[in-house]
Amino acid sequence: MAEDHKYEVLVKRLDKPLKVPRELSKKLSGLSSRLLSRMKREAVDCPVMGKEVPFLQCYFCPNFVRRVMGVVHCRGLPLSEEHEA
């Protein structure tokens, strides 16, 4: 079986939630508020962008493959301008 990801990135728990971009807030309307509040307090060190980003931003990234036991599998491909915001 071929590797479908390039990076394995740990999910970090934060005391204070990071700001989630507004366009993602529209996509989150179906999630429970309890799950949403927990996910807002999680972040990853994105290997593609080179900075810490909220997990929800990572989840909706085209490079996101899966999350397994606190580790995100990332394809690591370059992003278009619209996904870097």
N, C-alpha and C. Protein backbone atom coordinates (compact mmCIF):
# COMPACT_ATOMS: atom_id res chain seq x y z
N MET A 1 0.85 -1.19 0.00
CA MET A 1 0.00 0.00 0.00
C MET A 1 0.89 1.24 0.00
N ALA A 2 0.61 2.16 -0.89
CA ALA A 2 1.40 3.38 -1.02
C ALA A 2 1.05 4.37 0.08
N GLU A 3 2.03 5.18 0.44
CA GLU A 3 1.78 6.24 1.44
C GLU A 3 0.89 7.31 0.84
N ASP A 4 -0.15 7.69 1.56
CA ASP A 4 -1.05 8.73 1.06
C ASP A 4 -0.83 10.06 1.78
N HIS A 5 0.20 10.11 2.64
CA HIS A 5 0.50 11.35 3.34
C HIS A 5 2.01 11.51 3.47
N LYS A 6 2.42 12.78 3.62
CA LYS A 6 3.84 13.10 3.73
C LYS A 6 4.22 13.43 5.17
N TYR A 7 3.29 14.07 5.90
CA TYR A 7 3.58 14.50 7.27
C TYR A 7 2.59 13.89 8.26
N GLU A 8 3.08 13.69 9.48
CA GLU A 8 2.22 13.33 10.60
C GLU A 8 2.42 14.42 11.64
N VAL A 9 1.34 15.16 11.92
CA VAL A 9 1.42 16.34 12.77
C VAL A 9 0.59 16.12 14.02
N LEU A 10 1.18 16.39 15.20
CA LEU A 10 0.45 16.23 16.46
C LEU A 10 -0.56 17.35 16.65
N VAL A 11 -1.72 16.99 17.19
CA VAL A 11 -2.74 17.97 17.54
C VAL A 11 -2.47 18.42 18.97
N LYS A 12 -2.39 19.75 19.17
CA LYS A 12 -2.12 20.32 20.49
C LYS A 12 -3.40 20.87 21.09
N ARG A 13 -3.56 20.69 22.38
CA ARG A 13 -4.69 21.28 23.10
C ARG A 13 -4.26 22.64 23.64
N LEU A 14 -5.14 23.63 23.50
CA LEU A 14 -4.84 24.99 23.93
C LEU A 14 -5.77 25.40 25.07
N ASP A 15 -5.31 26.34 25.90
CA ASP A 15 -6.16 26.88 26.96
C ASP A 15 -7.20 27.84 26.38
N LYS A 16 -6.77 28.65 25.43
CA LYS A 16 -7.66 29.62 24.79
C LYS A 16 -7.85 29.24 23.33
N PRO A 17 -9.06 29.36 22.81
CA PRO A 17 -9.27 29.00 21.40
C PRO A 17 -8.61 29.99 20.44
N LEU A 18 -8.13 29.48 19.31
CA LEU A 18 -7.61 30.33 18.25
C LEU A 18 -8.77 30.82 17.40
N LYS A 19 -8.57 31.94 16.74
CA LYS A 19 -9.62 32.50 15.89
C LYS A 19 -9.75 31.65 14.63
N VAL A 20 -10.99 31.26 14.33
CA VAL A 20 -11.29 30.45 13.16
C VAL A 20 -11.75 31.40 12.05
N PRO A 21 -11.20 31.28 10.83
CA PRO A 21 -11.63 32.15 9.73
C PRO A 21 -13.14 32.10 9.52
N ARG A 22 -13.71 33.23 9.16
CA ARG A 22 -15.16 33.38 9.02
C ARG A 22 -15.78 32.42 8.01
N GLU A 23 -15.08 32.19 6.89
CA GLU A 23 -15.66 31.31 5.87
C GLU A 23 -15.81 29.87 6.36
N LEU A 24 -14.99 29.46 7.34
CA LEU A 24 -15.12 28.12 7.91
C LEU A 24 -16.31 28.03 8.84
N SER A 25 -16.68 29.13 9.47
CA SER A 25 -17.80 29.12 10.41
C SER A 25 -19.09 28.68 9.73
N LYS A 26 -19.26 29.01 8.46
CA LYS A 26 -20.46 28.61 7.72
C LYS A 26 -20.50 27.10 7.52
N LYS A 27 -19.34 26.47 7.34
CA LYS A 27 -19.27 25.03 7.12
C LYS A 27 -19.52 24.24 8.40
N LEU A 28 -19.44 24.89 9.56
CA LEU A 28 -19.52 24.20 10.84
C LEU A 28 -20.92 24.15 11.41
N SER A 29 -21.91 24.63 10.69
CA SER A 29 -23.25 24.76 11.25
C SER A 29 -23.87 23.43 11.66
N GLY A 30 -23.46 22.30 11.08
CA GLY A 30 -24.05 21.01 11.41
C GLY A 30 -23.45 20.32 12.63
N LEU A 31 -22.34 20.82 13.14
CA LEU A 31 -21.67 20.17 14.28
C LEU A 31 -22.30 20.59 15.60
N SER A 32 -22.21 19.71 16.59
CA SER A 32 -22.74 20.05 17.91
C SER A 32 -21.86 21.12 18.55
N SER A 33 -22.47 21.95 19.37
CA SER A 33 -21.72 23.06 19.98
C SER A 33 -20.64 22.54 20.92
N ARG A 34 -20.87 21.42 21.57
CA ARG A 34 -19.87 20.84 22.48
C ARG A 34 -18.63 20.38 21.70
N LEU A 35 -18.85 19.68 20.60
CA LEU A 35 -17.75 19.23 19.76
C LEU A 35 -17.01 20.42 19.16
N LEU A 36 -17.76 21.39 18.70
CA LEU A 36 -17.18 22.58 18.10
C LEU A 36 -16.30 23.35 19.08
N SER A 37 -16.78 23.51 20.31
CA SER A 37 -15.99 24.25 21.30
C SER A 37 -14.70 23.50 21.64
N ARG A 38 -14.74 22.17 21.65
CA ARG A 38 -13.54 21.40 21.91
C ARG A 38 -12.54 21.52 20.76
N MET A 39 -13.06 21.47 19.54
CA MET A 39 -12.17 21.55 18.37
C MET A 39 -11.58 22.93 18.19
N LYS A 40 -12.25 23.97 18.66
CA LYS A 40 -11.70 25.33 18.57
C LYS A 40 -10.50 25.51 19.49
N ARG A 41 -10.38 24.66 20.51
CA ARG A 41 -9.25 24.76 21.43
C ARG A 41 -8.12 23.79 21.05
N GLU A 42 -8.10 23.38 19.79
CA GLU A 42 -7.04 22.52 19.29
C GLU A 42 -6.33 23.20 18.13
N ALA A 43 -5.03 22.94 18.01
CA ALA A 43 -4.23 23.54 16.94
C ALA A 43 -3.18 22.55 16.48
N VAL A 44 -2.63 22.82 15.30
CA VAL A 44 -1.53 22.03 14.74
C VAL A 44 -0.46 22.98 14.21
N ASP A 45 0.78 22.52 14.19
CA ASP A 45 1.87 23.26 13.55
C ASP A 45 1.89 22.82 12.09
N CYS A 46 1.29 23.61 11.23
CA CYS A 46 1.14 23.25 9.82
C CYS A 46 2.49 23.22 9.11
N PRO A 47 2.88 22.07 8.54
CA PRO A 47 4.16 21.99 7.83
C PRO A 47 4.13 22.72 6.49
N VAL A 48 2.96 22.92 5.91
CA VAL A 48 2.85 23.58 4.61
C VAL A 48 2.91 25.10 4.77
N MET A 49 2.14 25.64 5.74
CA MET A 49 2.11 27.08 5.96
C MET A 49 3.26 27.55 6.85
N GLY A 50 3.82 26.64 7.62
CA GLY A 50 4.94 27.00 8.49
C GLY A 50 4.52 27.79 9.72
N LYS A 51 3.28 27.60 10.17
CA LYS A 51 2.81 28.31 11.37
C LYS A 51 1.74 27.48 12.06
N GLU A 52 1.40 27.90 13.26
CA GLU A 52 0.34 27.23 14.01
C GLU A 52 -1.02 27.68 13.48
N VAL A 53 -1.89 26.72 13.20
CA VAL A 53 -3.23 27.03 12.69
C VAL A 53 -4.26 26.26 13.53
N PRO A 54 -5.49 26.78 13.61
CA PRO A 54 -6.54 26.04 14.32
C PRO A 54 -6.80 24.70 13.64
N PHE A 55 -7.14 23.69 14.43
CA PHE A 55 -7.40 22.38 13.84
C PHE A 55 -8.53 22.43 12.82
N LEU A 56 -9.54 23.24 13.07
CA LEU A 56 -10.66 23.32 12.13
C LEU A 56 -10.21 23.81 10.76
N GLN A 57 -9.25 24.71 10.72
CA GLN A 57 -8.70 25.17 9.44
C GLN A 57 -7.96 24.02 8.77
N CYS A 58 -7.23 23.26 9.54
CA CYS A 58 -6.50 22.10 9.03
C CYS A 58 -7.48 21.06 8.49
N TYR A 59 -8.59 20.85 9.19
CA TYR A 59 -9.58 19.85 8.82
C TYR A 59 -10.18 20.12 7.44
N PHE A 60 -10.40 21.39 7.12
CA PHE A 60 -11.00 21.75 5.84
C PHE A 60 -9.95 22.00 4.74
N CYS A 61 -8.69 21.80 5.04
CA CYS A 61 -7.61 21.97 4.07
C CYS A 61 -7.63 20.80 3.07
N PRO A 62 -7.32 21.07 1.79
CA PRO A 62 -7.27 19.97 0.82
C PRO A 62 -6.16 18.95 1.10
N ASN A 63 -5.17 19.30 1.91
CA ASN A 63 -4.09 18.38 2.25
C ASN A 63 -4.46 17.42 3.38
N PHE A 64 -5.56 17.68 4.09
CA PHE A 64 -5.98 16.83 5.20
C PHE A 64 -6.38 15.46 4.68
N VAL A 65 -5.77 14.41 5.27
CA VAL A 65 -6.11 13.04 4.89
C VAL A 65 -7.00 12.42 5.96
N ARG A 66 -6.50 12.41 7.21
CA ARG A 66 -7.25 11.84 8.32
C ARG A 66 -6.63 12.29 9.64
N ARG A 67 -7.39 12.07 10.71
CA ARG A 67 -6.89 12.30 12.07
C ARG A 67 -7.05 11.00 12.82
N VAL A 68 -5.93 10.49 13.36
CA VAL A 68 -5.94 9.23 14.08
C VAL A 68 -5.24 9.42 15.42
N MET A 69 -5.97 9.23 16.50
CA MET A 69 -5.41 9.27 17.86
C MET A 69 -4.54 10.50 18.10
N GLY A 70 -5.05 11.68 17.76
CA GLY A 70 -4.34 12.91 18.03
C GLY A 70 -3.24 13.26 17.05
N VAL A 71 -3.19 12.57 15.92
CA VAL A 71 -2.19 12.84 14.88
C VAL A 71 -2.92 13.07 13.56
N VAL A 72 -2.57 14.18 12.89
CA VAL A 72 -3.15 14.50 11.59
C VAL A 72 -2.19 14.03 10.51
N HIS A 73 -2.72 13.32 9.53
CA HIS A 73 -1.94 12.92 8.36
C HIS A 73 -2.17 13.97 7.28
N CYS A 74 -1.08 14.56 6.77
CA CYS A 74 -1.13 15.67 5.82
C CYS A 74 -0.40 15.29 4.54
N ARG A 75 -0.99 15.64 3.40
CA ARG A 75 -0.35 15.35 2.11
C ARG A 75 0.90 16.21 1.88
N GLY A 76 0.91 17.44 2.39
CA GLY A 76 2.07 18.32 2.27
C GLY A 76 2.24 18.97 0.92
N LEU A 77 1.18 19.04 0.12
CA LEU A 77 1.26 19.68 -1.19
C LEU A 77 1.13 21.20 -1.07
N PRO A 78 1.69 21.97 -2.00
CA PRO A 78 1.54 23.43 -1.95
C PRO A 78 0.06 23.82 -2.04
N LEU A 79 -0.29 24.91 -1.34
CA LEU A 79 -1.68 25.38 -1.30
C LEU A 79 -1.89 26.56 -2.24
N SER A 80 -3.10 26.68 -2.74
CA SER A 80 -3.45 27.86 -3.53
C SER A 80 -3.68 29.02 -2.57
N GLU A 81 -3.75 30.22 -3.07
CA GLU A 81 -3.89 31.42 -2.26
C GLU A 81 -5.16 31.40 -1.40
N GLU A 82 -6.26 30.84 -1.90
CA GLU A 82 -7.52 30.88 -1.18
C GLU A 82 -7.49 30.02 0.08
N HIS A 83 -6.65 28.98 0.13
CA HIS A 83 -6.59 28.11 1.30
C HIS A 83 -5.60 28.57 2.35
N GLU A 84 -4.74 29.53 2.02
CA GLU A 84 -3.73 30.00 2.97
C GLU A 84 -4.28 31.06 3.91
N ALA A 85 -5.44 31.58 3.68
CA ALA A 85 -6.01 32.65 4.51
C ALA A 85 -6.31 32.19 5.90
